[in-house]
Amino acid sequence: MTGRIVTANRLRDGAVVFRTKSGAWSSRVADAALLGEAEAAAALAAAQADAGRQVVVAPYLAEAEAGPDGPVPVEFRERIRAAGPTIGLPGAAQA
């Protein structure tokens, strides 16, 4: 199944986060809700409300496919965001 996931950056620390089915935010792409077009629009609206409450910044939809462990982003940029930094940062996991 191909669908959409909602992603943003957590305002507190800048971490890449993904919106779950329950409406929470997770740093694991595997926890992201894989949504159809109608569901995606509603989830993005809810994510934008979270941005208004200063929980996350710049939420948007990204295309993803169902994988064995959860959604897998389609676009290369989104795969990098999901995997983490590609350079060594102090205290950060490296992809």
N, C-alpha and C. Protein backbone atom coordinates (compact mmCIF):
# COMPACT_ATOMS: atom_id res chain seq x y z
N MET A 1 0.84 -1.18 0.00
CA MET A 1 0.00 0.00 0.00
C MET A 1 0.88 1.24 0.00
N THR A 2 0.56 2.17 -0.84
CA THR A 2 1.23 3.47 -0.84
C THR A 2 0.27 4.48 -0.23
N GLY A 3 0.80 5.36 0.58
CA GLY A 3 -0.02 6.37 1.22
C GLY A 3 0.84 7.55 1.64
N ARG A 4 0.40 8.22 2.65
CA ARG A 4 1.10 9.40 3.15
C ARG A 4 1.35 9.25 4.65
N ILE A 5 2.42 9.84 5.09
CA ILE A 5 2.70 9.98 6.52
C ILE A 5 2.85 11.47 6.80
N VAL A 6 2.59 11.85 8.04
CA VAL A 6 2.77 13.24 8.45
C VAL A 6 4.09 13.32 9.21
N THR A 7 4.92 14.24 8.82
CA THR A 7 6.21 14.42 9.48
C THR A 7 6.42 15.90 9.79
N ALA A 8 7.27 16.16 10.76
CA ALA A 8 7.58 17.53 11.18
C ALA A 8 8.87 17.47 11.98
N ASN A 9 9.23 18.58 12.57
CA ASN A 9 10.33 18.62 13.52
C ASN A 9 9.77 19.04 14.87
N ARG A 10 10.20 18.34 15.91
CA ARG A 10 9.77 18.67 17.26
C ARG A 10 10.41 20.01 17.64
N LEU A 11 9.63 20.91 18.13
CA LEU A 11 10.13 22.25 18.43
C LEU A 11 11.12 22.25 19.59
N ARG A 12 10.90 21.39 20.56
CA ARG A 12 11.76 21.36 21.75
C ARG A 12 13.22 21.09 21.44
N ASP A 13 13.48 20.14 20.50
CA ASP A 13 14.87 19.75 20.25
C ASP A 13 15.21 19.62 18.77
N GLY A 14 14.26 19.86 17.88
CA GLY A 14 14.52 19.81 16.45
C GLY A 14 14.49 18.42 15.84
N ALA A 15 14.20 17.40 16.65
CA ALA A 15 14.19 16.03 16.15
C ALA A 15 13.10 15.84 15.09
N VAL A 16 13.38 15.00 14.11
CA VAL A 16 12.39 14.61 13.12
C VAL A 16 11.37 13.71 13.82
N VAL A 17 10.10 14.00 13.64
CA VAL A 17 9.04 13.21 14.26
C VAL A 17 7.96 12.86 13.24
N PHE A 18 7.20 11.82 13.56
CA PHE A 18 6.15 11.30 12.70
C PHE A 18 4.88 11.14 13.51
N ARG A 19 3.76 11.51 12.90
CA ARG A 19 2.48 11.44 13.59
C ARG A 19 1.95 10.00 13.58
N THR A 20 1.53 9.53 14.75
CA THR A 20 1.02 8.17 14.89
C THR A 20 -0.50 8.15 14.71
N LYS A 21 -1.08 6.96 14.64
CA LYS A 21 -2.54 6.84 14.52
C LYS A 21 -3.26 7.48 15.69
N SER A 22 -2.65 7.45 16.87
CA SER A 22 -3.28 8.03 18.06
C SER A 22 -3.16 9.55 18.12
N GLY A 23 -2.39 10.13 17.19
CA GLY A 23 -2.21 11.59 17.18
C GLY A 23 -0.99 12.04 17.95
N ALA A 24 -0.23 11.09 18.47
CA ALA A 24 1.01 11.43 19.18
C ALA A 24 2.12 11.62 18.14
N TRP A 25 3.28 12.05 18.61
CA TRP A 25 4.45 12.21 17.75
C TRP A 25 5.52 11.23 18.19
N SER A 26 6.14 10.55 17.24
CA SER A 26 7.19 9.58 17.53
C SER A 26 8.42 9.89 16.68
N SER A 27 9.58 9.62 17.22
CA SER A 27 10.81 9.81 16.45
C SER A 27 11.09 8.60 15.57
N ARG A 28 10.26 7.56 15.65
CA ARG A 28 10.44 6.34 14.85
C ARG A 28 9.46 6.33 13.68
N VAL A 29 9.96 6.28 12.46
CA VAL A 29 9.09 6.25 11.29
C VAL A 29 8.21 5.00 11.31
N ALA A 30 8.67 3.93 11.92
CA ALA A 30 7.88 2.70 12.01
C ALA A 30 6.57 2.92 12.77
N ASP A 31 6.53 3.94 13.62
CA ASP A 31 5.32 4.24 14.40
C ASP A 31 4.34 5.13 13.63
N ALA A 32 4.76 5.66 12.50
CA ALA A 32 3.92 6.61 11.75
C ALA A 32 2.67 5.93 11.22
N ALA A 33 1.59 6.67 11.17
CA ALA A 33 0.34 6.19 10.57
C ALA A 33 0.45 6.33 9.06
N LEU A 34 0.23 5.25 8.33
CA LEU A 34 0.21 5.27 6.86
C LEU A 34 -1.23 5.53 6.45
N LEU A 35 -1.46 6.66 5.81
CA LEU A 35 -2.81 7.16 5.59
C LEU A 35 -3.17 7.29 4.13
N GLY A 36 -4.46 7.13 3.83
CA GLY A 36 -4.99 7.44 2.52
C GLY A 36 -5.17 8.95 2.39
N GLU A 37 -5.56 9.41 1.22
CA GLU A 37 -5.65 10.85 0.95
C GLU A 37 -6.59 11.58 1.91
N ALA A 38 -7.80 11.05 2.14
CA ALA A 38 -8.75 11.73 3.01
C ALA A 38 -8.25 11.77 4.45
N GLU A 39 -7.73 10.65 4.93
CA GLU A 39 -7.18 10.60 6.29
C GLU A 39 -5.97 11.52 6.42
N ALA A 40 -5.16 11.58 5.39
CA ALA A 40 -3.94 12.39 5.41
C ALA A 40 -4.26 13.87 5.57
N ALA A 41 -5.29 14.33 4.87
CA ALA A 41 -5.68 15.74 4.97
C ALA A 41 -6.10 16.09 6.39
N ALA A 42 -6.88 15.22 7.02
CA ALA A 42 -7.33 15.46 8.39
C ALA A 42 -6.15 15.40 9.37
N ALA A 43 -5.24 14.45 9.17
CA ALA A 43 -4.08 14.32 10.05
C ALA A 43 -3.16 15.54 9.91
N LEU A 44 -3.01 16.04 8.69
CA LEU A 44 -2.18 17.23 8.49
C LEU A 44 -2.80 18.44 9.18
N ALA A 45 -4.12 18.57 9.11
CA ALA A 45 -4.79 19.67 9.81
C ALA A 45 -4.56 19.59 11.31
N ALA A 46 -4.64 18.39 11.87
CA ALA A 46 -4.37 18.21 13.30
C ALA A 46 -2.91 18.52 13.61
N ALA A 47 -2.00 18.14 12.73
CA ALA A 47 -0.58 18.42 12.93
C ALA A 47 -0.32 19.93 12.88
N GLN A 48 -1.02 20.61 12.00
CA GLN A 48 -0.87 22.07 11.93
C GLN A 48 -1.38 22.73 13.21
N ALA A 49 -2.41 22.13 13.83
CA ALA A 49 -2.87 22.64 15.13
C ALA A 49 -1.78 22.43 16.18
N ASP A 50 -1.07 21.30 16.13
CA ASP A 50 0.06 21.08 17.03
C ASP A 50 1.15 22.11 16.80
N ALA A 51 1.35 22.50 15.55
CA ALA A 51 2.33 23.54 15.25
C ALA A 51 1.90 24.86 15.87
N GLY A 52 0.62 25.13 15.84
CA GLY A 52 0.10 26.35 16.47
C GLY A 52 0.28 26.35 17.97
N ARG A 53 0.30 25.16 18.58
CA ARG A 53 0.54 25.03 20.02
C ARG A 53 2.03 24.90 20.34
N GLN A 54 2.86 25.06 19.33
CA GLN A 54 4.32 25.03 19.45
C GLN A 54 4.86 23.68 19.95
N VAL A 55 4.23 22.61 19.46
CA VAL A 55 4.72 21.25 19.74
C VAL A 55 5.70 20.84 18.65
N VAL A 56 5.32 21.11 17.40
CA VAL A 56 6.15 20.80 16.24
C VAL A 56 6.22 22.02 15.34
N VAL A 57 7.13 21.94 14.36
CA VAL A 57 7.26 23.03 13.40
C VAL A 57 7.22 22.42 11.99
N ALA A 58 6.53 23.10 11.09
CA ALA A 58 6.49 22.78 9.67
C ALA A 58 6.03 21.36 9.33
N PRO A 59 4.86 20.94 9.82
CA PRO A 59 4.38 19.62 9.44
C PRO A 59 4.01 19.55 7.96
N TYR A 60 4.22 18.38 7.37
CA TYR A 60 3.84 18.19 5.97
C TYR A 60 3.63 16.71 5.70
N LEU A 61 3.05 16.40 4.55
CA LEU A 61 2.81 15.03 4.14
C LEU A 61 3.97 14.53 3.30
N ALA A 62 4.33 13.28 3.51
CA ALA A 62 5.37 12.63 2.72
C ALA A 62 4.82 11.29 2.23
N GLU A 63 5.15 10.94 1.00
CA GLU A 63 4.70 9.67 0.44
C GLU A 63 5.49 8.53 1.07
N ALA A 64 4.79 7.45 1.38
CA ALA A 64 5.42 6.28 1.99
C ALA A 64 4.72 5.01 1.52
N GLU A 65 5.42 3.90 1.67
CA GLU A 65 4.88 2.59 1.33
C GLU A 65 4.87 1.73 2.59
N ALA A 66 3.99 0.76 2.61
CA ALA A 66 3.96 -0.18 3.73
C ALA A 66 5.19 -1.08 3.64
N GLY A 67 5.87 -1.21 4.75
CA GLY A 67 7.04 -2.09 4.84
C GLY A 67 6.79 -3.14 5.91
N PRO A 68 7.68 -4.08 6.06
CA PRO A 68 7.48 -5.15 7.05
C PRO A 68 7.45 -4.64 8.49
N ASP A 69 8.11 -3.52 8.75
CA ASP A 69 8.16 -2.97 10.11
C ASP A 69 7.45 -1.64 10.24
N GLY A 70 6.65 -1.28 9.25
CA GLY A 70 5.94 0.00 9.27
C GLY A 70 6.21 0.76 7.99
N PRO A 71 5.73 1.99 7.92
CA PRO A 71 5.91 2.79 6.70
C PRO A 71 7.37 3.03 6.35
N VAL A 72 7.63 3.06 5.04
CA VAL A 72 8.96 3.36 4.51
C VAL A 72 8.82 4.54 3.56
N PRO A 73 9.47 5.66 3.84
CA PRO A 73 9.37 6.81 2.93
C PRO A 73 9.84 6.46 1.52
N VAL A 74 9.18 7.05 0.54
CA VAL A 74 9.49 6.81 -0.87
C VAL A 74 10.64 7.69 -1.33
N GLU A 75 10.59 8.96 -1.00
CA GLU A 75 11.59 9.93 -1.47
C GLU A 75 12.89 9.78 -0.68
N PHE A 76 14.00 9.94 -1.36
CA PHE A 76 15.32 9.82 -0.76
C PHE A 76 15.49 10.78 0.43
N ARG A 77 15.06 12.02 0.24
CA ARG A 77 15.17 13.02 1.32
C ARG A 77 14.47 12.54 2.58
N GLU A 78 13.30 11.96 2.43
CA GLU A 78 12.53 11.49 3.58
C GLU A 78 13.17 10.27 4.22
N ARG A 79 13.81 9.44 3.43
CA ARG A 79 14.53 8.29 3.99
C ARG A 79 15.68 8.76 4.87
N ILE A 80 16.38 9.80 4.42
CA ILE A 80 17.46 10.36 5.22
C ILE A 80 16.91 10.95 6.51
N ARG A 81 15.82 11.71 6.43
CA ARG A 81 15.22 12.30 7.63
C ARG A 81 14.81 11.21 8.61
N ALA A 82 14.27 10.10 8.10
CA ALA A 82 13.81 9.01 8.97
C ALA A 82 14.98 8.28 9.62
N ALA A 83 16.12 8.20 8.93
CA ALA A 83 17.26 7.45 9.44
C ALA A 83 18.11 8.26 10.42
N GLY A 84 18.04 9.57 10.35
CA GLY A 84 18.83 10.39 11.25
C GLY A 84 19.96 11.07 10.53
N PRO A 85 20.75 11.86 11.23
CA PRO A 85 21.83 12.62 10.61
C PRO A 85 22.82 11.72 9.87
N THR A 86 23.36 12.23 8.79
CA THR A 86 24.34 11.47 8.00
C THR A 86 25.77 11.84 8.39
N ILE A 87 25.91 12.74 9.34
CA ILE A 87 27.21 13.11 9.85
C ILE A 87 27.21 12.91 11.36
N GLY A 88 28.36 12.74 11.94
CA GLY A 88 28.44 12.57 13.38
C GLY A 88 28.22 13.88 14.11
N LEU A 89 27.19 13.93 14.92
CA LEU A 89 26.92 15.10 15.76
C LEU A 89 27.07 14.69 17.21
N PRO A 90 27.54 15.55 18.06
CA PRO A 90 27.68 15.20 19.47
C PRO A 90 26.33 14.77 20.05
N GLY A 91 26.28 13.55 20.59
CA GLY A 91 25.07 13.06 21.24
C GLY A 91 23.98 12.60 20.30
N ALA A 92 24.23 12.51 18.98
CA ALA A 92 23.20 12.09 18.03
C ALA A 92 23.57 10.76 17.40
N ALA A 93 22.53 9.99 17.09
CA ALA A 93 22.75 8.72 16.39
C ALA A 93 23.07 9.04 14.93
N GLN A 94 23.96 8.29 14.33
CA GLN A 94 24.36 8.52 12.95
C GLN A 94 23.76 7.45 12.05
N ALA A 95 23.22 7.86 10.88
CA ALA A 95 22.62 6.91 9.94
C ALA A 95 23.69 6.14 9.21
